[in-house]
Amino acid sequence: MVKSSVEICNLALDYLNEDNITSLTEETKQSKKCQQWYDVVRKSLLTNLNASWSINRAVLAEVKNVVPVYGYNKCYGLPNDCLQVLNLGNPLSDELYQIEGGYFHCNRESDVQIRYIADVTDVSKYDAEFIELFALALASQICIPLTEDYEKRNYINQLKKEKYVECSTKYGRDNRITVIHKPNYRNARYNAEVQTTNYYLE
């Protein structure tokens, strides 16, 4: 099992038939390009995939010395590892909030609980599907600077697209959300038919 960032970089380099590296700080073109793109690709994938192992929950602490000028009456600090907030409260909550200036703004008076995508840097937490997608996405970014082979990059991009769909489907199944549909008309509470479906994250 892959256990380090260097190993992920070497998987990417293998796709390109390039020499492997021993560290991200060595003085080689391969190492420099991997170092340049590694975190960019990692954060982009984490933000867009909603991988089950990257989802955390937190109760936010109010920031007393920051008060929104208008719109919301409370301001809260976000976790240091927060890449993207998924929701306030439970997954189906429609409570309004705004993220501005690195702070979380809302009108809730207490128990501001969020689900969010964490900036997971520990490679040992990645599953096999994510590792393969990560390597393909990294290979796509560094292909032209290292090989100048556009045909190879197109091939890598096709593999990346297929793996992305596979990962999205897997994480969607891991994070099923129950959706309640209610007719939107007067006295609906007496007449509503409740239908439950599964919503898959994409």
N, C-alpha and C. Protein backbone atom coordinates (compact mmCIF):
# COMPACT_ATOMS: atom_id res chain seq x y z
N MET A 1 0.84 -1.20 0.00
CA MET A 1 0.00 0.00 0.00
C MET A 1 0.87 1.25 0.00
N VAL A 2 0.48 2.24 -0.78
CA VAL A 2 1.22 3.49 -0.86
C VAL A 2 1.14 4.22 0.48
N LYS A 3 2.28 4.70 0.97
CA LYS A 3 2.33 5.30 2.30
C LYS A 3 2.94 6.70 2.33
N SER A 4 3.33 7.24 1.18
CA SER A 4 3.98 8.54 1.20
C SER A 4 3.67 9.32 -0.07
N SER A 5 3.88 10.63 0.01
CA SER A 5 3.68 11.50 -1.15
C SER A 5 4.64 11.14 -2.27
N VAL A 6 5.85 10.74 -1.93
CA VAL A 6 6.84 10.37 -2.94
C VAL A 6 6.36 9.16 -3.75
N GLU A 7 5.74 8.21 -3.07
CA GLU A 7 5.23 7.03 -3.77
C GLU A 7 4.11 7.40 -4.75
N ILE A 8 3.25 8.34 -4.36
CA ILE A 8 2.20 8.80 -5.28
C ILE A 8 2.83 9.49 -6.48
N CYS A 9 3.83 10.32 -6.23
CA CYS A 9 4.53 10.98 -7.33
C CYS A 9 5.17 9.97 -8.27
N ASN A 10 5.73 8.90 -7.73
CA ASN A 10 6.36 7.89 -8.56
C ASN A 10 5.34 7.11 -9.39
N LEU A 11 4.13 6.92 -8.84
CA LEU A 11 3.07 6.32 -9.64
C LEU A 11 2.74 7.21 -10.84
N ALA A 12 2.68 8.52 -10.59
CA ALA A 12 2.42 9.47 -11.67
C ALA A 12 3.54 9.43 -12.71
N LEU A 13 4.76 9.37 -12.24
CA LEU A 13 5.91 9.32 -13.16
C LEU A 13 5.93 8.02 -13.94
N ASP A 14 5.47 6.92 -13.32
CA ASP A 14 5.39 5.65 -14.03
C ASP A 14 4.45 5.74 -15.23
N TYR A 15 3.31 6.45 -15.04
CA TYR A 15 2.37 6.63 -16.15
C TYR A 15 3.05 7.36 -17.32
N LEU A 16 4.04 8.18 -17.01
CA LEU A 16 4.72 8.98 -18.03
C LEU A 16 6.02 8.35 -18.51
N ASN A 17 6.36 7.16 -17.97
CA ASN A 17 7.63 6.50 -18.29
C ASN A 17 8.83 7.39 -17.97
N GLU A 18 8.71 8.13 -16.85
CA GLU A 18 9.79 8.99 -16.38
C GLU A 18 10.51 8.35 -15.20
N ASP A 19 11.75 8.78 -14.96
CA ASP A 19 12.51 8.27 -13.83
C ASP A 19 11.83 8.61 -12.52
N ASN A 20 11.88 7.67 -11.57
CA ASN A 20 11.32 7.90 -10.25
C ASN A 20 12.21 8.82 -9.43
N ILE A 21 11.65 9.34 -8.33
CA ILE A 21 12.37 10.24 -7.44
C ILE A 21 12.48 9.59 -6.06
N THR A 22 13.40 10.11 -5.26
CA THR A 22 13.54 9.61 -3.89
C THR A 22 13.03 10.60 -2.86
N SER A 23 12.86 11.87 -3.27
CA SER A 23 12.29 12.90 -2.39
C SER A 23 11.75 14.04 -3.24
N LEU A 24 10.92 14.87 -2.63
CA LEU A 24 10.37 16.02 -3.34
C LEU A 24 11.30 17.22 -3.30
N THR A 25 12.45 17.07 -2.70
CA THR A 25 13.39 18.18 -2.59
C THR A 25 14.67 17.95 -3.41
N GLU A 26 14.75 16.81 -4.09
CA GLU A 26 15.96 16.56 -4.86
C GLU A 26 16.00 17.46 -6.10
N GLU A 27 17.19 17.68 -6.61
CA GLU A 27 17.41 18.61 -7.71
C GLU A 27 17.23 17.92 -9.06
N THR A 28 16.01 17.46 -9.32
CA THR A 28 15.68 16.89 -10.63
C THR A 28 14.43 17.58 -11.15
N LYS A 29 14.27 17.56 -12.47
CA LYS A 29 13.10 18.18 -13.07
C LYS A 29 11.82 17.46 -12.62
N GLN A 30 11.91 16.13 -12.53
CA GLN A 30 10.75 15.35 -12.11
C GLN A 30 10.30 15.74 -10.70
N SER A 31 11.25 15.86 -9.79
CA SER A 31 10.93 16.22 -8.41
C SER A 31 10.34 17.61 -8.31
N LYS A 32 10.92 18.56 -9.02
CA LYS A 32 10.45 19.94 -8.96
C LYS A 32 9.03 20.08 -9.49
N LYS A 33 8.71 19.36 -10.57
CA LYS A 33 7.35 19.44 -11.12
C LYS A 33 6.34 18.75 -10.21
N CYS A 34 6.74 17.64 -9.62
CA CYS A 34 5.86 16.95 -8.66
C CYS A 34 5.59 17.84 -7.45
N GLN A 35 6.63 18.46 -6.95
CA GLN A 35 6.47 19.35 -5.79
C GLN A 35 5.58 20.54 -6.13
N GLN A 36 5.71 21.06 -7.33
CA GLN A 36 4.93 22.22 -7.76
C GLN A 36 3.43 21.91 -7.80
N TRP A 37 3.07 20.70 -8.23
CA TRP A 37 1.67 20.38 -8.47
C TRP A 37 1.02 19.49 -7.42
N TYR A 38 1.80 18.88 -6.55
CA TYR A 38 1.26 17.87 -5.64
C TYR A 38 0.10 18.41 -4.79
N ASP A 39 0.31 19.48 -4.05
CA ASP A 39 -0.74 20.00 -3.17
C ASP A 39 -1.91 20.59 -3.94
N VAL A 40 -1.63 21.20 -5.09
CA VAL A 40 -2.70 21.77 -5.92
C VAL A 40 -3.67 20.67 -6.35
N VAL A 41 -3.12 19.58 -6.85
CA VAL A 41 -3.95 18.46 -7.32
C VAL A 41 -4.68 17.81 -6.15
N ARG A 42 -3.97 17.60 -5.05
CA ARG A 42 -4.57 16.94 -3.88
C ARG A 42 -5.78 17.73 -3.36
N LYS A 43 -5.62 19.03 -3.17
CA LYS A 43 -6.71 19.84 -2.64
C LYS A 43 -7.88 19.92 -3.61
N SER A 44 -7.59 19.98 -4.90
CA SER A 44 -8.66 20.03 -5.88
C SER A 44 -9.49 18.75 -5.85
N LEU A 45 -8.84 17.61 -5.79
CA LEU A 45 -9.56 16.34 -5.75
C LEU A 45 -10.37 16.20 -4.47
N LEU A 46 -9.77 16.55 -3.35
CA LEU A 46 -10.49 16.44 -2.07
C LEU A 46 -11.73 17.33 -2.07
N THR A 47 -11.59 18.55 -2.56
CA THR A 47 -12.69 19.51 -2.55
C THR A 47 -13.86 19.03 -3.40
N ASN A 48 -13.57 18.37 -4.51
CA ASN A 48 -14.62 18.01 -5.46
C ASN A 48 -15.20 16.61 -5.29
N LEU A 49 -14.49 15.72 -4.60
CA LEU A 49 -14.93 14.33 -4.55
C LEU A 49 -15.81 13.97 -3.35
N ASN A 50 -15.70 14.69 -2.25
CA ASN A 50 -16.43 14.33 -1.03
C ASN A 50 -16.12 12.88 -0.60
N ALA A 51 -14.85 12.54 -0.59
CA ALA A 51 -14.45 11.20 -0.16
C ALA A 51 -14.88 10.97 1.28
N SER A 52 -15.43 9.79 1.56
CA SER A 52 -15.98 9.51 2.88
C SER A 52 -14.95 9.70 3.99
N TRP A 53 -13.69 9.37 3.74
CA TRP A 53 -12.67 9.47 4.77
C TRP A 53 -12.16 10.92 4.95
N SER A 54 -12.64 11.84 4.10
CA SER A 54 -12.22 13.24 4.22
C SER A 54 -13.28 14.11 4.89
N ILE A 55 -14.45 13.53 5.20
CA ILE A 55 -15.54 14.30 5.79
C ILE A 55 -15.42 14.31 7.31
N ASN A 56 -15.36 15.49 7.89
CA ASN A 56 -15.29 15.66 9.35
C ASN A 56 -16.48 16.48 9.84
N ARG A 57 -16.69 16.45 11.14
CA ARG A 57 -17.71 17.29 11.78
C ARG A 57 -17.03 18.12 12.85
N ALA A 58 -17.57 19.31 13.10
CA ALA A 58 -16.98 20.20 14.11
C ALA A 58 -18.06 21.11 14.67
N VAL A 59 -17.87 21.50 15.93
CA VAL A 59 -18.69 22.53 16.55
C VAL A 59 -17.85 23.80 16.58
N LEU A 60 -18.33 24.86 15.95
CA LEU A 60 -17.54 26.07 15.80
C LEU A 60 -17.63 26.97 17.02
N ALA A 61 -16.54 27.68 17.26
CA ALA A 61 -16.48 28.65 18.37
C ALA A 61 -16.71 30.05 17.81
N GLU A 62 -17.51 30.83 18.54
CA GLU A 62 -17.82 32.19 18.08
C GLU A 62 -16.59 33.10 18.19
N VAL A 63 -16.42 33.96 17.20
CA VAL A 63 -15.36 34.96 17.20
C VAL A 63 -16.00 36.28 17.65
N LYS A 64 -15.75 36.65 18.88
CA LYS A 64 -16.46 37.78 19.50
C LYS A 64 -16.08 39.13 18.89
N ASN A 65 -14.84 39.27 18.46
CA ASN A 65 -14.39 40.58 17.99
C ASN A 65 -14.62 40.82 16.50
N VAL A 66 -15.34 39.90 15.84
CA VAL A 66 -15.69 40.09 14.43
C VAL A 66 -17.21 40.04 14.32
N VAL A 67 -17.80 41.17 13.94
CA VAL A 67 -19.26 41.26 13.79
C VAL A 67 -19.59 41.68 12.37
N PRO A 68 -20.37 40.89 11.64
CA PRO A 68 -20.74 41.28 10.28
C PRO A 68 -21.45 42.63 10.27
N VAL A 69 -21.16 43.44 9.28
CA VAL A 69 -21.79 44.76 9.18
C VAL A 69 -23.29 44.62 8.97
N TYR A 70 -23.69 43.62 8.18
CA TYR A 70 -25.11 43.38 7.95
C TYR A 70 -25.29 41.95 7.48
N GLY A 71 -26.52 41.49 7.50
CA GLY A 71 -26.85 40.18 6.94
C GLY A 71 -26.90 39.05 7.95
N TYR A 72 -25.90 38.95 8.82
CA TYR A 72 -25.84 37.90 9.83
C TYR A 72 -25.42 38.51 11.15
N ASN A 73 -25.82 37.85 12.24
CA ASN A 73 -25.52 38.42 13.56
C ASN A 73 -24.44 37.68 14.33
N LYS A 74 -23.90 36.60 13.76
CA LYS A 74 -22.87 35.84 14.46
C LYS A 74 -21.73 35.49 13.51
N CYS A 75 -20.53 35.40 14.06
CA CYS A 75 -19.35 35.04 13.28
C CYS A 75 -18.59 33.93 14.01
N TYR A 76 -18.16 32.92 13.28
CA TYR A 76 -17.49 31.77 13.89
C TYR A 76 -16.21 31.44 13.11
N GLY A 77 -15.24 30.88 13.82
CA GLY A 77 -14.01 30.45 13.18
C GLY A 77 -14.16 29.06 12.59
N LEU A 78 -13.48 28.81 11.48
CA LEU A 78 -13.51 27.52 10.82
C LEU A 78 -12.32 26.67 11.25
N PRO A 79 -12.44 25.35 11.20
CA PRO A 79 -11.29 24.48 11.50
C PRO A 79 -10.12 24.79 10.57
N ASN A 80 -8.91 24.65 11.08
CA ASN A 80 -7.72 24.95 10.28
C ASN A 80 -7.60 24.06 9.04
N ASP A 81 -8.17 22.86 9.11
CA ASP A 81 -8.05 21.93 7.99
C ASP A 81 -9.26 21.94 7.07
N CYS A 82 -10.12 22.94 7.19
CA CYS A 82 -11.35 22.98 6.40
C CYS A 82 -11.08 23.44 4.96
N LEU A 83 -11.42 22.58 4.01
CA LEU A 83 -11.33 22.95 2.59
C LEU A 83 -12.67 23.45 2.07
N GLN A 84 -13.75 22.85 2.54
CA GLN A 84 -15.08 23.23 2.07
C GLN A 84 -16.13 22.80 3.07
N VAL A 85 -17.05 23.70 3.41
CA VAL A 85 -18.16 23.37 4.29
C VAL A 85 -19.25 22.69 3.47
N LEU A 86 -19.74 21.56 3.95
CA LEU A 86 -20.80 20.84 3.26
C LEU A 86 -22.18 21.30 3.71
N ASN A 87 -22.35 21.51 5.00
CA ASN A 87 -23.66 21.95 5.48
C ASN A 87 -23.57 22.40 6.94
N LEU A 88 -24.54 23.18 7.33
CA LEU A 88 -24.73 23.61 8.71
C LEU A 88 -25.81 22.73 9.31
N GLY A 89 -25.51 22.07 10.44
CA GLY A 89 -26.47 21.15 11.04
C GLY A 89 -26.47 19.81 10.33
N ASN A 90 -27.65 19.22 10.15
CA ASN A 90 -27.73 17.90 9.51
C ASN A 90 -27.62 18.04 8.00
N PRO A 91 -27.33 16.93 7.29
CA PRO A 91 -27.09 17.01 5.84
C PRO A 91 -28.24 17.60 5.03
N LEU A 92 -29.47 17.56 5.54
CA LEU A 92 -30.60 18.08 4.78
C LEU A 92 -31.00 19.49 5.22
N SER A 93 -30.23 20.08 6.12
CA SER A 93 -30.57 21.41 6.62
C SER A 93 -30.50 22.45 5.50
N ASP A 94 -31.47 23.38 5.51
CA ASP A 94 -31.46 24.47 4.54
C ASP A 94 -31.18 25.81 5.20
N GLU A 95 -30.58 25.77 6.40
CA GLU A 95 -30.23 27.02 7.09
C GLU A 95 -29.21 27.80 6.27
N LEU A 96 -29.39 29.11 6.23
CA LEU A 96 -28.50 29.96 5.46
C LEU A 96 -27.23 30.27 6.24
N TYR A 97 -26.14 30.36 5.51
CA TYR A 97 -24.86 30.79 6.10
C TYR A 97 -24.02 31.36 4.99
N GLN A 98 -22.95 32.04 5.37
CA GLN A 98 -22.03 32.62 4.40
C GLN A 98 -20.61 32.48 4.92
N ILE A 99 -19.69 32.16 4.02
CA ILE A 99 -18.27 32.10 4.38
C ILE A 99 -17.58 33.26 3.68
N GLU A 100 -17.09 34.18 4.49
CA GLU A 100 -16.41 35.36 3.95
C GLU A 100 -15.22 35.71 4.82
N GLY A 101 -14.12 36.09 4.19
CA GLY A 101 -12.95 36.52 4.94
C GLY A 101 -12.38 35.45 5.85
N GLY A 102 -12.64 34.18 5.52
CA GLY A 102 -12.14 33.08 6.34
C GLY A 102 -12.98 32.79 7.57
N TYR A 103 -14.14 33.43 7.68
CA TYR A 103 -15.03 33.21 8.81
C TYR A 103 -16.38 32.65 8.35
N PHE A 104 -17.04 31.98 9.27
CA PHE A 104 -18.36 31.39 9.02
C PHE A 104 -19.43 32.28 9.65
N HIS A 105 -20.32 32.84 8.83
CA HIS A 105 -21.35 33.75 9.31
C HIS A 105 -22.72 33.09 9.25
N CYS A 106 -23.49 33.20 10.33
CA CYS A 106 -24.85 32.66 10.35
C CYS A 106 -25.65 33.35 11.45
N ASN A 107 -26.92 33.00 11.55
CA ASN A 107 -27.79 33.61 12.57
C ASN A 107 -28.11 32.67 13.72
N ARG A 108 -27.55 31.47 13.70
CA ARG A 108 -27.81 30.53 14.79
C ARG A 108 -27.13 31.03 16.06
N GLU A 109 -27.82 30.93 17.19
CA GLU A 109 -27.31 31.47 18.44
C GLU A 109 -26.34 30.54 19.15
N SER A 110 -26.49 29.24 18.97
CA SER A 110 -25.62 28.30 19.67
C SER A 110 -25.52 26.99 18.89
N ASP A 111 -24.58 26.14 19.31
CA ASP A 111 -24.40 24.83 18.69
C ASP A 111 -24.29 24.92 17.17
N VAL A 112 -23.30 25.68 16.72
CA VAL A 112 -23.06 25.79 15.28
C VAL A 112 -22.22 24.60 14.86
N GLN A 113 -22.90 23.60 14.32
CA GLN A 113 -22.27 22.33 13.95
C GLN A 113 -22.19 22.23 12.44
N ILE A 114 -21.03 21.88 11.93
CA ILE A 114 -20.87 21.77 10.48
C ILE A 114 -20.28 20.42 10.10
N ARG A 115 -20.56 20.01 8.86
CA ARG A 115 -19.85 18.93 8.20
C ARG A 115 -18.98 19.58 7.14
N TYR A 116 -17.75 19.11 7.02
CA TYR A 116 -16.83 19.76 6.09
C TYR A 116 -15.83 18.77 5.51
N ILE A 117 -15.25 19.19 4.38
CA ILE A 117 -14.17 18.42 3.77
C ILE A 117 -12.85 18.86 4.39
N ALA A 118 -12.13 17.91 4.97
CA ALA A 118 -10.86 18.21 5.63
C ALA A 118 -9.70 18.09 4.65
N ASP A 119 -8.68 18.88 4.88
CA ASP A 119 -7.46 18.85 4.07
C ASP A 119 -6.59 17.69 4.56
N VAL A 120 -6.89 16.49 4.10
CA VAL A 120 -6.22 15.29 4.56
C VAL A 120 -4.87 15.15 3.86
N THR A 121 -3.81 15.25 4.62
CA THR A 121 -2.46 15.13 4.06
C THR A 121 -1.83 13.76 4.33
N ASP A 122 -2.41 13.01 5.26
CA ASP A 122 -1.89 11.70 5.64
C ASP A 122 -2.24 10.68 4.55
N VAL A 123 -1.25 10.29 3.77
CA VAL A 123 -1.47 9.39 2.64
C VAL A 123 -2.03 8.04 3.08
N SER A 124 -1.72 7.61 4.32
CA SER A 124 -2.21 6.31 4.79
C SER A 124 -3.73 6.26 4.91
N LYS A 125 -4.39 7.42 4.91
CA LYS A 125 -5.85 7.46 4.99
C LYS A 125 -6.52 7.35 3.62
N TYR A 126 -5.74 7.50 2.56
CA TYR A 126 -6.31 7.43 1.21
C TYR A 126 -6.63 5.98 0.85
N ASP A 127 -7.74 5.77 0.16
CA ASP A 127 -8.03 4.43 -0.33
C ASP A 127 -7.39 4.22 -1.70
N ALA A 128 -7.45 2.99 -2.17
CA ALA A 128 -6.74 2.64 -3.41
C ALA A 128 -7.27 3.42 -4.61
N GLU A 129 -8.59 3.64 -4.66
CA GLU A 129 -9.18 4.35 -5.79
C GLU A 129 -8.71 5.79 -5.85
N PHE A 130 -8.66 6.44 -4.68
CA PHE A 130 -8.21 7.83 -4.64
C PHE A 130 -6.74 7.94 -5.02
N ILE A 131 -5.92 7.02 -4.54
CA ILE A 131 -4.49 7.04 -4.86
C ILE A 131 -4.27 6.94 -6.36
N GLU A 132 -5.01 6.04 -7.01
CA GLU A 132 -4.86 5.89 -8.46
C GLU A 132 -5.30 7.15 -9.19
N LEU A 133 -6.44 7.73 -8.76
CA LEU A 133 -6.91 8.97 -9.37
C LEU A 133 -5.93 10.11 -9.14
N PHE A 134 -5.39 10.21 -7.93
CA PHE A 134 -4.41 11.23 -7.59
C PHE A 134 -3.20 11.13 -8.51
N ALA A 135 -2.70 9.91 -8.69
CA ALA A 135 -1.53 9.71 -9.54
C ALA A 135 -1.82 10.11 -10.99
N LEU A 136 -3.01 9.76 -11.47
CA LEU A 136 -3.39 10.12 -12.84
C LEU A 136 -3.53 11.63 -13.01
N ALA A 137 -4.17 12.27 -12.02
CA ALA A 137 -4.36 13.72 -12.09
C ALA A 137 -3.02 14.45 -12.03
N LEU A 138 -2.12 13.96 -11.21
CA LEU A 138 -0.78 14.55 -11.12
C LEU A 138 -0.01 14.33 -12.42
N ALA A 139 -0.12 13.14 -12.96
CA ALA A 139 0.55 12.83 -14.23
C ALA A 139 0.06 13.75 -15.34
N SER A 140 -1.24 14.03 -15.34
CA SER A 140 -1.81 14.92 -16.36
C SER A 140 -1.21 16.32 -16.29
N GLN A 141 -1.00 16.81 -15.07
CA GLN A 141 -0.48 18.17 -14.90
C GLN A 141 0.99 18.29 -15.27
N ILE A 142 1.76 17.25 -15.01
CA ILE A 142 3.20 17.35 -15.24
C ILE A 142 3.63 16.72 -16.56
N CYS A 143 2.69 16.18 -17.32
CA CYS A 143 3.03 15.46 -18.55
C CYS A 143 3.74 16.35 -19.57
N ILE A 144 3.14 17.47 -19.91
CA ILE A 144 3.72 18.32 -20.96
C ILE A 144 5.06 18.91 -20.56
N PRO A 145 5.21 19.46 -19.33
CA PRO A 145 6.53 19.98 -18.94
C PRO A 145 7.63 18.93 -18.99
N LEU A 146 7.27 17.66 -18.71
CA LEU A 146 8.30 16.61 -18.66
C LEU A 146 8.48 15.89 -20.00
N THR A 147 7.41 15.72 -20.76
CA THR A 147 7.50 14.88 -21.96
C THR A 147 7.19 15.61 -23.27
N GLU A 148 6.48 16.72 -23.20
CA GLU A 148 6.01 17.44 -24.40
C GLU A 148 5.22 16.53 -25.33
N ASP A 149 4.57 15.53 -24.73
CA ASP A 149 3.82 14.53 -25.51
C ASP A 149 2.32 14.75 -25.28
N TYR A 150 1.67 15.45 -26.21
CA TYR A 150 0.24 15.77 -26.05
C TYR A 150 -0.64 14.53 -26.22
N GLU A 151 -0.22 13.62 -27.05
CA GLU A 151 -0.99 12.37 -27.22
C GLU A 151 -1.00 11.57 -25.92
N LYS A 152 0.13 11.54 -25.24
CA LYS A 152 0.21 10.83 -23.96
C LYS A 152 -0.68 11.52 -22.92
N ARG A 153 -0.68 12.85 -22.92
CA ARG A 153 -1.52 13.55 -21.95
C ARG A 153 -3.00 13.27 -22.22
N ASN A 154 -3.40 13.22 -23.48
CA ASN A 154 -4.79 12.91 -23.81
C ASN A 154 -5.16 11.52 -23.31
N TYR A 155 -4.26 10.58 -23.44
CA TYR A 155 -4.50 9.22 -22.96
C TYR A 155 -4.63 9.21 -21.43
N ILE A 156 -3.74 9.93 -20.76
CA ILE A 156 -3.80 10.02 -19.29
C ILE A 156 -5.11 10.67 -18.86
N ASN A 157 -5.53 11.71 -19.56
CA ASN A 157 -6.78 12.40 -19.21
C ASN A 157 -7.99 11.49 -19.36
N GLN A 158 -7.98 10.62 -20.35
CA GLN A 158 -9.08 9.68 -20.52
C GLN A 158 -9.13 8.70 -19.36
N LEU A 159 -7.97 8.19 -18.96
CA LEU A 159 -7.90 7.29 -17.80
C LEU A 159 -8.36 8.02 -16.53
N LYS A 160 -7.95 9.28 -16.40
CA LYS A 160 -8.34 10.08 -15.23
C LYS A 160 -9.85 10.25 -15.17
N LYS A 161 -10.46 10.55 -16.31
CA LYS A 161 -11.92 10.75 -16.38
C LYS A 161 -12.65 9.49 -15.93
N GLU A 162 -12.22 8.34 -16.41
CA GLU A 162 -12.86 7.08 -16.04
C GLU A 162 -12.70 6.79 -14.56
N LYS A 163 -11.53 7.04 -14.02
CA LYS A 163 -11.29 6.79 -12.60
C LYS A 163 -12.05 7.79 -11.74
N TYR A 164 -12.21 9.01 -12.21
CA TYR A 164 -12.97 10.02 -11.45
C TYR A 164 -14.42 9.58 -11.30
N VAL A 165 -15.02 9.08 -12.38
CA VAL A 165 -16.40 8.59 -12.32
C VAL A 165 -16.51 7.43 -11.34
N GLU A 166 -15.53 6.54 -11.36
CA GLU A 166 -15.52 5.39 -10.45
C GLU A 166 -15.46 5.86 -8.99
N CYS A 167 -14.59 6.82 -8.72
CA CYS A 167 -14.46 7.34 -7.35
C CYS A 167 -15.72 8.07 -6.91
N SER A 168 -16.28 8.89 -7.79
CA SER A 168 -17.50 9.63 -7.46
C SER A 168 -18.64 8.70 -7.11
N THR A 169 -18.76 7.62 -7.87
CA THR A 169 -19.81 6.64 -7.61
C THR A 169 -19.60 5.96 -6.27
N LYS A 170 -18.36 5.59 -5.98
CA LYS A 170 -18.05 4.92 -4.72
C LYS A 170 -18.37 5.81 -3.52
N TYR A 171 -17.92 7.07 -3.57
CA TYR A 171 -18.13 7.96 -2.43
C TYR A 171 -19.60 8.36 -2.31
N GLY A 172 -20.30 8.39 -3.44
CA GLY A 172 -21.73 8.65 -3.39
C GLY A 172 -22.46 7.55 -2.65
N ARG A 173 -22.05 6.31 -2.86
CA ARG A 173 -22.65 5.18 -2.15
C ARG A 173 -22.29 5.18 -0.67
N ASP A 174 -21.09 5.65 -0.37
CA ASP A 174 -20.67 5.72 1.04
C ASP A 174 -21.46 6.76 1.81
N ASN A 175 -21.92 7.80 1.12
CA ASN A 175 -22.55 8.95 1.79
C ASN A 175 -23.97 9.18 1.31
N ARG A 176 -24.77 8.16 1.42
CA ARG A 176 -26.16 8.28 0.99
C ARG A 176 -26.91 9.22 1.92
N ILE A 177 -27.73 10.06 1.32
CA ILE A 177 -28.53 11.02 2.07
C ILE A 177 -30.00 10.74 1.80
N THR A 178 -30.79 10.61 2.84
CA THR A 178 -32.21 10.38 2.68
C THR A 178 -32.92 11.70 2.43
N VAL A 179 -33.67 11.76 1.33
CA VAL A 179 -34.37 12.97 0.95
C VAL A 179 -35.86 12.76 1.12
N ILE A 180 -36.51 13.67 1.82
CA ILE A 180 -37.95 13.61 2.01
C ILE A 180 -38.62 14.61 1.07
N HIS A 181 -39.51 14.12 0.22
CA HIS A 181 -40.24 14.99 -0.70
C HIS A 181 -41.65 15.21 -0.17
N LYS A 182 -42.06 16.48 -0.02
CA LYS A 182 -43.40 16.79 0.45
C LYS A 182 -44.06 17.74 -0.53
N PRO A 183 -45.34 17.49 -0.90
CA PRO A 183 -46.05 18.42 -1.78
C PRO A 183 -46.11 19.81 -1.18
N ASN A 184 -45.90 20.82 -2.02
CA ASN A 184 -45.84 22.20 -1.53
C ASN A 184 -47.19 22.88 -1.75
N TYR A 185 -48.16 22.59 -0.88
CA TYR A 185 -49.44 23.27 -0.95
C TYR A 185 -50.03 23.36 0.45
N ARG A 186 -51.06 24.20 0.64
CA ARG A 186 -51.65 24.46 1.94
C ARG A 186 -52.18 23.16 2.56
N ASN A 187 -52.02 23.05 3.87
CA ASN A 187 -52.45 21.88 4.63
C ASN A 187 -51.70 20.61 4.23
N ALA A 188 -50.50 20.79 3.70
CA ALA A 188 -49.71 19.65 3.25
C ALA A 188 -49.42 18.69 4.40
N ARG A 189 -49.36 19.21 5.62
CA ARG A 189 -49.04 18.34 6.75
C ARG A 189 -50.12 17.28 6.96
N TYR A 190 -51.33 17.54 6.46
CA TYR A 190 -52.41 16.57 6.60
C TYR A 190 -52.48 15.62 5.41
N ASN A 191 -51.96 16.05 4.28
CA ASN A 191 -52.17 15.30 3.05
C ASN A 191 -50.89 14.78 2.40
N ALA A 192 -49.73 15.13 3.00
CA ALA A 192 -48.46 14.84 2.32
C ALA A 192 -48.23 13.35 2.15
N GLU A 193 -47.73 13.04 0.97
CA GLU A 193 -47.21 11.71 0.73
C GLU A 193 -45.71 11.82 0.81
N VAL A 194 -45.09 11.03 1.66
CA VAL A 194 -43.65 11.12 1.86
C VAL A 194 -42.96 10.04 1.04
N GLN A 195 -42.07 10.49 0.22
CA GLN A 195 -41.32 9.57 -0.62
C GLN A 195 -39.85 9.66 -0.25
N THR A 196 -39.20 8.55 -0.02
CA THR A 196 -37.80 8.54 0.36
C THR A 196 -36.95 8.01 -0.79
N THR A 197 -35.94 8.75 -1.11
CA THR A 197 -35.02 8.33 -2.16
C THR A 197 -33.60 8.47 -1.66
N ASN A 198 -32.65 7.97 -2.44
CA ASN A 198 -31.24 8.14 -2.13
C ASN A 198 -30.63 9.15 -3.06
N TYR A 199 -29.90 10.07 -2.49
CA TYR A 199 -29.21 11.09 -3.27
C TYR A 199 -27.75 10.74 -3.30
N TYR A 200 -27.15 10.64 -4.51
CA TYR A 200 -25.75 10.30 -4.63
C TYR A 200 -24.93 11.55 -4.91
N LEU A 201 -23.90 11.77 -4.10
CA LEU A 201 -23.01 12.90 -4.31
C LEU A 201 -22.21 12.67 -5.58
N GLU A 202 -22.02 13.74 -6.34
CA GLU A 202 -21.25 13.63 -7.57
C GLU A 202 -19.93 14.38 -7.42
